[in-house]
Amino acid sequence: VLRDDFRQPPGDVVVAVGEPAVLECVPPRGHPEPSISWKKNGVQLSDKDEHLTIRGGKLMVASTRKSDAGIYVCVATNVVGERDSEPAKLVVF
């Protein structure tokens, strides 16, 4: 089972360069419990990127750079399939 509705989709975030940014996502209910990954501008983000931390449903950027700005989507995945959240915008000024 994987429902359509995210319990908490990510919201838009506006930060200054160098500030931390956190995008939060609570995936839809599912069985088995869905895992979460993130896409930025349509491209899968790697949890190997030291600049980013993906923990639970949170995507954390310790110190934002101009290049972090973009459209982020939370992706919930389990054996049934995957669901994309509504897009959230990260604005870095």
Protein backbone atom coordinates (compact mmCIF):
# COMPACT_ATOMS: atom_id res chain seq x y z
CA VAL A 1 0.00 0.00 0.00
CA LEU A 2 1.17 3.55 -0.72
CA ARG A 3 -1.28 6.40 -0.32
CA ASP A 4 -1.25 9.48 -2.52
CA ASP A 5 -1.31 12.18 0.12
CA PHE A 6 1.85 13.34 1.84
CA ARG A 7 1.26 13.84 5.57
CA GLN A 8 3.51 16.89 5.31
CA PRO A 9 4.79 18.06 1.95
CA PRO A 10 7.87 20.31 1.95
CA GLY A 11 7.24 24.05 2.02
CA ASP A 12 9.10 26.89 0.36
CA VAL A 13 12.21 28.10 2.20
CA VAL A 14 13.99 31.42 1.87
CA VAL A 15 17.49 31.81 3.37
CA ALA A 16 20.55 34.01 3.04
CA VAL A 17 23.80 32.57 1.66
CA GLY A 18 25.66 30.72 4.41
CA GLU A 19 22.57 30.07 6.52
CA PRO A 20 21.29 26.55 7.14
CA ALA A 21 18.17 25.43 5.29
CA VAL A 22 15.83 22.59 6.22
CA LEU A 23 13.15 21.10 3.99
CA GLU A 24 10.82 18.75 5.85
CA CYS A 25 8.69 16.00 4.43
CA VAL A 26 6.41 13.41 6.03
CA PRO A 27 5.62 10.75 3.42
CA PRO A 28 2.21 9.22 2.76
CA ARG A 29 1.28 6.23 4.88
CA GLY A 30 2.37 3.00 3.29
CA HIS A 31 3.06 -0.64 3.94
CA PRO A 32 5.95 -1.26 3.99
CA GLU A 33 6.82 2.20 5.35
CA PRO A 34 8.10 4.24 2.38
CA SER A 35 11.68 5.44 2.22
CA ILE A 36 12.37 9.06 1.35
CA SER A 37 14.70 10.55 -1.19
CA TRP A 38 14.89 14.02 -2.69
CA LYS A 39 15.16 15.48 -6.16
CA LYS A 40 16.42 18.94 -7.02
CA ASN A 41 15.28 20.35 -10.35
CA GLY A 42 14.29 16.81 -11.36
CA VAL A 43 17.65 15.21 -10.48
CA GLN A 44 18.04 12.66 -7.67
CA LEU A 45 20.14 14.02 -4.79
CA SER A 46 22.89 11.82 -3.43
CA ASP A 47 23.24 11.25 0.30
CA LYS A 48 26.98 11.00 -0.41
CA ASP A 49 27.08 14.78 -0.87
CA GLU A 50 28.77 16.10 2.30
CA HIS A 51 27.03 19.42 1.79
CA LEU A 52 23.62 17.79 2.39
CA THR A 53 22.18 15.65 5.14
CA ILE A 54 19.12 13.52 4.53
CA ARG A 55 17.73 12.18 7.78
CA GLY A 56 14.22 10.85 8.18
CA GLY A 57 12.10 13.18 6.10
CA LYS A 58 14.44 16.13 6.47
CA LEU A 59 16.79 17.51 3.88
CA MET A 60 19.32 19.72 5.64
CA VAL A 61 21.82 22.05 4.03
CA ALA A 62 24.37 23.16 6.63
CA SER A 63 25.54 26.26 4.82
CA THR A 64 23.56 27.26 1.75
CA ARG A 65 25.21 28.39 -1.45
CA LYS A 66 23.63 30.22 -4.37
CA SER A 67 23.81 26.95 -6.29
CA ASP A 68 21.47 25.26 -3.77
CA ALA A 69 18.56 27.38 -4.95
CA GLY A 70 16.01 25.46 -6.96
CA ILE A 71 12.90 23.32 -6.92
CA TYR A 72 12.94 20.38 -4.52
CA VAL A 73 10.62 17.38 -4.50
CA CYS A 74 10.33 14.77 -1.77
CA VAL A 75 9.99 11.23 -3.18
CA ALA A 76 8.39 8.45 -1.15
CA THR A 77 9.18 4.93 -2.39
CA ASN A 78 8.17 1.41 -1.42
CA VAL A 79 7.52 -1.86 -3.26
CA VAL A 80 4.19 -0.55 -4.58
CA GLY A 81 5.75 2.41 -6.35
CA GLU A 82 6.73 5.99 -5.76
CA ARG A 83 5.01 9.28 -5.10
CA ASP A 84 6.38 12.77 -5.63
CA SER A 85 5.39 15.58 -3.27
CA GLU A 86 4.30 18.99 -4.46
CA PRO A 87 7.45 20.95 -5.36
CA ALA A 88 9.02 23.30 -2.82
CA LYS A 89 11.22 26.22 -3.75
CA LEU A 90 14.51 26.99 -1.99
CA VAL A 91 15.42 30.64 -2.50
CA VAL A 92 18.94 31.74 -1.55
CA PHE A 93 19.65 35.48 -1.45
